[in-house]
Amino acid sequence: MNYDIKIKGDSLDDGTIEFDKLANITKVTKDIAAKALMLKLFGYSDLKVPSNVKNALSIKLEKISGNAKVGTHLLLEASTFNTIDGLQLDFFKPTLLEELSSLTPMSLVITSFSAALSENSEDKNNLDKPLLKSLLQFKKSFTNVNETFLFSNRQSIPQITLHHSDFKRIEQLDESIPDPQKVIITGRVDELKYTKSQLVLITDDGNVHVQVKDSQLMNQMTAFFGKDCTIQGMANYRLGGMLSFIEMQGFGQPDERDKYFSKKPKAMNAIQQVLFQAKQGKKRNPFIDIVGKWPGNETEEEFEEMLKLLD
């Protein structure tokens, strides 16, 4: 399937392209595609790409053309993900398999940028913090603030034009997602997914997905299947402060203290709520009145009343 990247707005956009610029475009584009695919398959983008998936992420540069009037045109080719070797159907939902059969590495790049710039909050489900960091790296491909990049596939996916100013919006979106934080959580181990290095922990506040990068830890978890377990790790979040998953760093037999302090983690500080509310387009945000001024002379009760103004 063919894709176009059209670059225009600089005197150097004349049908040729400098090696350093091309190197950044190719490196970052591949990184975005890989992270977007990992997010779809495993729920988190910053994972090592399995060996049987690497070939499916191939993007080929077929042609460079253009002139000083129309700019520089890169013609690319990428195949759909139904070429992934060893993709076992029973490990994925049928809807995801159907979706993968029509997606390519380049279509994931286009839809990732579209989601980051969309006003529709549901589109943000296709993003996480590491993926947003990769999108921001594409800014280095711009020669100046007047340059534009147009991505298209000539078919079903709407084209998108990137401006230098768009990266400020992506940066604000990235800042509105809470940073990972250490947590301790207790629940019953309900499901082990060896192919994804994941397990599901059932807690009083709902199900929590746990990512286990250490294969030895994953093997040891079999002893806790169907039993209560306390997990220590780093909680990772999505837009709005919603928990995405916990990256396990250790586990053990729960005691009463663990059960008392354990709860499904949520995180969003004042600055992040300001950015999130602003992104949603709300006309007035009471946080504007207190950001940069707190902590001040307010009591904790007074500050909590300020927070209630957001409801």
Protein backbone atom coordinates (compact mmCIF):
# COMPACT_ATOMS: atom_id res chain seq x y z
CA MET A 1 0.00 0.00 0.00
CA ASN A 2 1.40 3.42 -0.98
CA TYR A 3 1.68 6.46 1.28
CA ASP A 4 2.82 10.03 0.66
CA ILE A 5 4.76 12.45 2.81
CA LYS A 6 4.77 15.90 1.21
CA ILE A 7 7.12 18.51 2.68
CA LYS A 8 6.69 22.18 1.82
CA GLY A 9 7.52 25.59 3.26
CA ASP A 10 11.31 25.84 3.14
CA SER A 11 13.67 26.80 0.33
CA LEU A 12 15.34 23.39 0.70
CA ASP A 13 12.05 21.59 -0.05
CA ASP A 14 12.86 21.28 -3.73
CA GLY A 15 12.61 17.58 -4.50
CA THR A 16 15.76 16.65 -2.58
CA ILE A 17 16.29 15.97 1.11
CA GLU A 18 19.31 16.29 3.37
CA PHE A 19 20.54 13.04 4.99
CA ASP A 20 20.15 14.19 8.63
CA LYS A 21 16.57 15.31 7.99
CA LEU A 22 15.73 12.04 6.22
CA ALA A 23 17.34 10.04 9.04
CA ASN A 24 15.17 11.72 11.68
CA ILE A 25 12.00 11.27 9.62
CA THR A 26 12.66 7.56 9.11
CA LYS A 27 13.79 6.85 12.67
CA VAL A 28 10.91 8.65 14.38
CA THR A 29 8.29 7.35 11.93
CA LYS A 30 9.36 3.75 12.56
CA ASP A 31 9.38 4.36 16.33
CA ILE A 32 5.85 5.80 16.25
CA ALA A 33 4.60 2.84 14.20
CA ALA A 34 6.20 0.32 16.57
CA LYS A 35 4.85 2.00 19.72
CA ALA A 36 1.35 2.35 18.26
CA LEU A 37 1.32 -1.36 17.38
CA MET A 38 2.57 -2.42 20.82
CA LEU A 39 -0.16 -0.29 22.39
CA LYS A 40 -2.79 -2.08 20.33
CA LEU A 41 -1.44 -5.55 20.99
CA PHE A 42 -0.34 -5.31 24.62
CA GLY A 43 -1.91 -2.15 26.06
CA TYR A 44 1.40 -0.29 26.49
CA SER A 45 3.59 1.23 23.80
CA ASP A 46 7.05 1.21 25.38
CA LEU A 47 7.74 -2.50 24.94
CA LYS A 48 10.38 -4.38 23.00
CA VAL A 49 9.00 -5.41 19.63
CA PRO A 50 8.80 -9.25 19.42
CA SER A 51 11.04 -10.77 16.77
CA ASN A 52 8.08 -12.15 14.80
CA VAL A 53 6.61 -8.64 14.51
CA LYS A 54 9.68 -6.68 13.33
CA ASN A 55 9.30 -7.57 9.63
CA ALA A 56 5.65 -6.48 9.68
CA LEU A 57 6.83 -2.97 10.67
CA SER A 58 8.74 -2.56 7.41
CA ILE A 59 8.33 0.81 5.64
CA LYS A 60 10.08 1.25 2.29
CA LEU A 61 11.05 4.51 0.58
CA GLU A 62 10.24 4.00 -3.08
CA LYS A 63 10.82 7.44 -4.55
CA ILE A 64 11.82 11.05 -3.82
CA SER A 65 10.50 13.68 -6.21
CA GLY A 66 9.28 17.29 -6.43
CA ASN A 67 10.63 20.77 -7.12
CA ALA A 68 10.96 24.20 -5.54
CA LYS A 69 7.32 25.02 -6.39
CA VAL A 70 5.52 21.91 -5.05
CA GLY A 71 8.04 20.88 -2.39
CA THR A 72 9.52 17.44 -1.67
CA HIS A 73 7.45 14.29 -2.11
CA LEU A 74 8.38 10.99 -0.43
CA LEU A 75 6.58 7.92 -1.81
CA LEU A 76 6.45 5.08 0.73
CA GLU A 77 5.20 1.49 0.73
CA ALA A 78 3.94 -0.49 3.71
CA SER A 79 2.01 -3.77 4.01
CA THR A 80 -0.86 -4.69 6.34
CA PHE A 81 -0.23 -6.51 9.61
CA ASN A 82 -1.83 -9.77 8.49
CA THR A 83 1.72 -10.64 7.39
CA ILE A 84 2.89 -11.02 11.02
CA ASP A 85 4.51 -14.45 11.34
CA GLY A 86 3.19 -16.67 14.12
CA LEU A 87 0.28 -14.42 15.08
CA GLN A 88 -1.90 -16.80 17.10
CA LEU A 89 -5.54 -15.98 16.62
CA ASP A 90 -6.79 -17.27 19.98
CA PHE A 91 -4.67 -14.74 21.88
CA PHE A 92 -6.50 -11.75 20.43
CA LYS A 93 -10.07 -10.60 20.14
CA PRO A 94 -11.64 -11.18 16.72
CA THR A 95 -12.28 -7.45 16.32
CA LEU A 96 -8.60 -6.69 16.82
CA LEU A 97 -7.59 -9.31 14.27
CA GLU A 98 -9.97 -7.80 11.77
CA GLU A 99 -8.60 -4.34 12.50
CA LEU A 100 -4.99 -5.48 12.11
CA SER A 101 -5.75 -6.94 8.68
CA SER A 102 -6.47 -3.46 7.35
CA LEU A 103 -3.76 -1.53 9.22
CA THR A 104 -0.16 -0.82 8.20
CA PRO A 105 2.77 0.81 10.03
CA MET A 106 2.13 4.07 8.16
CA SER A 107 -1.60 4.06 8.87
CA LEU A 108 -0.76 3.79 12.58
CA VAL A 109 1.54 6.81 12.27
CA ILE A 110 -1.19 8.87 10.60
CA THR A 111 -3.91 7.84 13.06
CA SER A 112 -1.61 8.49 16.04
CA PHE A 113 -1.01 12.08 14.96
CA SER A 114 -4.72 12.47 14.19
CA ALA A 115 -5.67 11.19 17.65
CA ALA A 116 -3.23 13.55 19.38
CA LEU A 117 -4.66 16.57 17.53
CA SER A 118 -8.32 15.49 17.64
CA GLU A 119 -10.88 17.24 19.83
CA ASN A 120 -12.62 13.89 20.38
CA SER A 121 -11.55 12.52 23.76
CA GLU A 122 -12.31 8.92 22.69
CA ASP A 123 -9.48 9.12 20.15
CA LYS A 124 -7.06 9.55 23.05
CA ASN A 125 -7.58 5.88 23.98
CA ASN A 126 -5.12 5.14 21.17
CA LEU A 127 -2.35 7.11 22.91
CA ASP A 128 -0.15 6.79 25.97
CA LYS A 129 2.76 8.79 27.35
CA PRO A 130 5.65 6.95 25.59
CA LEU A 131 3.83 7.19 22.24
CA LEU A 132 3.25 10.92 22.73
CA LYS A 133 6.97 11.33 23.47
CA SER A 134 7.74 9.74 20.09
CA LEU A 135 5.25 12.00 18.31
CA LEU A 136 7.01 15.00 19.82
CA GLN A 137 10.35 13.80 18.42
CA PHE A 138 9.04 14.37 14.89
CA LYS A 139 9.28 18.12 15.55
CA LYS A 140 13.04 17.82 14.92
CA SER A 141 12.26 17.07 11.26
CA PHE A 142 11.05 20.65 10.71
CA THR A 143 13.57 23.06 9.23
CA ASN A 144 11.55 26.14 10.25
CA VAL A 145 8.17 27.11 11.72
CA ASN A 146 6.61 27.69 8.28
CA GLU A 147 7.25 24.18 7.00
CA THR A 148 4.41 21.63 6.76
CA PHE A 149 4.28 17.84 6.46
CA LEU A 150 1.30 16.22 4.78
CA PHE A 151 0.66 12.49 5.35
CA SER A 152 -1.78 10.59 3.16
CA ASN A 153 -2.45 7.10 1.84
CA ARG A 154 -4.68 7.99 -1.15
CA GLN A 155 -7.43 5.76 0.23
CA SER A 156 -9.65 5.45 3.31
CA ILE A 157 -7.59 7.18 6.02
CA PRO A 158 -8.07 10.96 6.13
CA GLN A 159 -4.87 12.82 5.37
CA ILE A 160 -3.28 14.99 8.02
CA THR A 161 -1.13 18.10 7.71
CA LEU A 162 1.35 18.76 10.49
CA HIS A 163 2.34 22.32 11.35
CA HIS A 164 5.15 23.31 13.66
CA SER A 165 2.59 24.83 16.05
CA ASP A 166 0.76 21.49 16.39
CA PHE A 167 3.53 20.15 18.61
CA LYS A 168 2.62 22.62 21.32
CA ARG A 169 -0.79 20.94 21.52
CA ILE A 170 0.82 17.50 21.65
CA GLU A 171 3.19 18.71 24.36
CA GLN A 172 0.25 19.94 26.47
CA LEU A 173 -1.48 16.60 25.99
CA ASP A 174 1.66 14.79 27.14
CA GLU A 175 1.95 17.01 30.22
CA SER A 176 -1.68 16.34 31.13
CA ILE A 177 -0.97 12.62 31.59
CA PRO A 178 0.33 11.87 35.11
CA ASP A 179 3.85 10.52 35.46
CA PRO A 180 4.23 6.90 36.64
CA GLN A 181 4.23 6.48 40.42
CA LYS A 182 5.11 3.70 42.87
CA VAL A 183 2.12 1.76 44.21
CA ILE A 184 1.26 -1.26 46.33
CA ILE A 185 -1.99 -3.02 45.47
CA THR A 186 -3.64 -6.22 46.69
CA GLY A 187 -6.12 -8.38 44.79
CA ARG A 188 -6.86 -11.82 43.45
CA VAL A 189 -4.84 -13.06 40.49
CA ASP A 190 -7.53 -13.94 37.97
CA GLU A 191 -5.79 -14.31 34.63
CA LEU A 192 -2.27 -14.98 33.36
CA LYS A 193 -1.39 -14.06 29.78
CA TYR A 194 2.06 -15.44 29.03
CA THR A 195 2.08 -14.22 25.41
CA LYS A 196 1.54 -10.66 26.56
CA SER A 197 3.49 -10.93 29.84
CA GLN A 198 0.38 -9.69 31.63
CA LEU A 199 -1.90 -10.70 34.46
CA VAL A 200 -5.24 -9.42 35.70
CA LEU A 201 -5.68 -8.53 39.37
CA ILE A 202 -9.24 -8.32 40.74
CA THR A 203 -9.52 -5.64 43.44
CA ASP A 204 -12.41 -4.07 45.36
CA ASP A 205 -12.19 -1.10 42.97
CA GLY A 206 -12.20 -3.16 39.78
CA ASN A 207 -9.82 -5.11 37.56
CA VAL A 208 -6.21 -3.96 37.24
CA HIS A 209 -3.94 -5.00 34.38
CA VAL A 210 -0.36 -5.78 35.42
CA GLN A 211 2.59 -5.86 33.00
CA VAL A 212 5.39 -8.28 33.95
CA LYS A 213 8.58 -7.68 31.97
CA ASP A 214 10.65 -10.11 34.06
CA SER A 215 9.94 -13.66 32.80
CA GLN A 216 11.09 -15.18 36.12
CA LEU A 217 8.53 -13.10 38.02
CA MET A 218 5.87 -14.22 35.57
CA ASN A 219 6.72 -17.88 36.15
CA GLN A 220 6.65 -17.39 39.92
CA MET A 221 3.18 -15.84 39.72
CA THR A 222 1.64 -19.21 38.79
CA ALA A 223 1.66 -20.11 42.48
CA PHE A 224 -0.75 -17.21 43.15
CA PHE A 225 -3.25 -17.99 40.39
CA GLY A 226 -6.75 -17.70 41.90
CA LYS A 227 -5.28 -16.41 45.17
CA ASP A 228 -4.75 -13.02 46.80
CA CYS A 229 -1.42 -11.33 46.11
CA THR A 230 0.20 -7.99 46.90
CA ILE A 231 1.98 -6.40 43.94
CA GLN A 232 4.52 -3.59 44.07
CA GLY A 233 5.26 -1.62 40.94
CA MET A 234 4.88 1.53 38.88
CA ALA A 235 1.37 2.68 37.98
CA ASN A 236 1.10 4.09 34.46
CA TYR A 237 -1.77 6.35 33.46
CA ARG A 238 -3.81 7.47 30.49
CA LEU A 239 -5.29 10.87 29.75
CA GLY A 240 -7.53 12.09 32.54
CA GLY A 241 -5.60 10.32 35.28
CA MET A 242 -7.15 6.93 34.50
CA LEU A 243 -4.99 3.94 35.36
CA SER A 244 -3.64 2.14 32.29
CA PHE A 245 -1.63 -0.66 33.93
CA ILE A 246 0.92 -1.44 36.64
CA GLU A 247 4.43 -2.51 35.74
CA MET A 248 5.30 -5.16 38.34
CA GLN A 249 8.56 -4.86 40.26
CA GLY A 250 7.81 -7.38 42.97
CA PHE A 251 5.06 -9.35 44.74
CA GLY A 252 4.34 -11.25 47.91
CA GLN A 253 1.82 -12.76 50.27
CA PRO A 254 -0.58 -10.01 51.43
CA ASP A 255 -0.92 -9.05 55.08
CA GLU A 256 -3.51 -6.86 56.82
CA ARG A 257 -1.41 -3.72 56.37
CA ASP A 258 -1.23 -4.29 52.61
CA LYS A 259 -4.99 -4.72 52.38
CA TYR A 260 -5.57 -1.54 54.39
CA PHE A 261 -3.37 0.68 52.23
CA SER A 262 -4.11 -0.99 48.91
CA LYS A 263 -6.47 0.68 46.45
CA LYS A 264 -6.72 1.14 42.70
CA PRO A 265 -4.36 4.06 42.06
CA LYS A 266 -5.53 7.30 40.51
CA ALA A 267 -3.34 10.27 39.79
CA MET A 268 -3.77 13.78 38.52
CA ASN A 269 -2.15 16.78 40.11
CA ALA A 270 -3.41 20.34 39.90
CA ILE A 271 -1.27 21.36 36.94
CA GLN A 272 -2.29 18.26 34.99
CA GLN A 273 -5.97 18.94 35.69
CA VAL A 274 -5.58 22.47 34.35
CA LEU A 275 -4.05 21.12 31.14
CA PHE A 276 -6.67 18.38 30.84
CA GLN A 277 -9.59 20.78 31.38
CA ALA A 278 -8.11 23.25 28.91
CA LYS A 279 -7.73 20.47 26.33
CA GLN A 280 -11.42 19.67 26.76
CA GLY A 281 -12.24 23.24 25.79
CA LYS A 282 -13.96 24.33 29.00
CA LYS A 283 -14.40 28.10 29.16
CA ARG A 284 -13.52 28.55 32.80
CA ASN A 285 -11.31 26.56 35.07
CA PRO A 286 -11.18 27.38 38.80
CA PHE A 287 -7.68 25.88 38.93
CA ILE A 288 -6.47 28.92 37.00
CA ASP A 289 -7.13 30.93 40.14
CA ILE A 290 -4.95 28.79 42.38
CA VAL A 291 -2.18 27.29 40.21
CA GLY A 292 1.09 28.92 41.16
CA LYS A 293 -0.46 30.26 44.37
CA TRP A 294 -0.84 27.03 46.34
CA PRO A 295 0.25 25.96 48.84
CA GLY A 296 -0.63 29.24 50.47
CA ASN A 297 -2.51 30.08 53.63
CA GLU A 298 -5.47 27.83 52.79
CA THR A 299 -6.33 24.90 55.01
CA GLU A 300 -6.64 21.45 53.46
CA GLU A 301 -10.44 21.74 53.82
CA GLU A 302 -10.46 25.06 51.94
CA PHE A 303 -8.32 23.61 49.19
CA GLU A 304 -10.66 20.63 48.85
CA GLU A 305 -13.57 23.06 48.42
CA MET A 306 -11.66 24.70 45.56
CA LEU A 307 -11.28 21.30 43.92
CA LYS A 308 -15.02 20.70 44.14
CA LEU A 309 -15.58 23.68 41.85
CA LEU A 310 -14.45 21.45 38.97
CA ASP A 311 -17.51 19.21 39.35
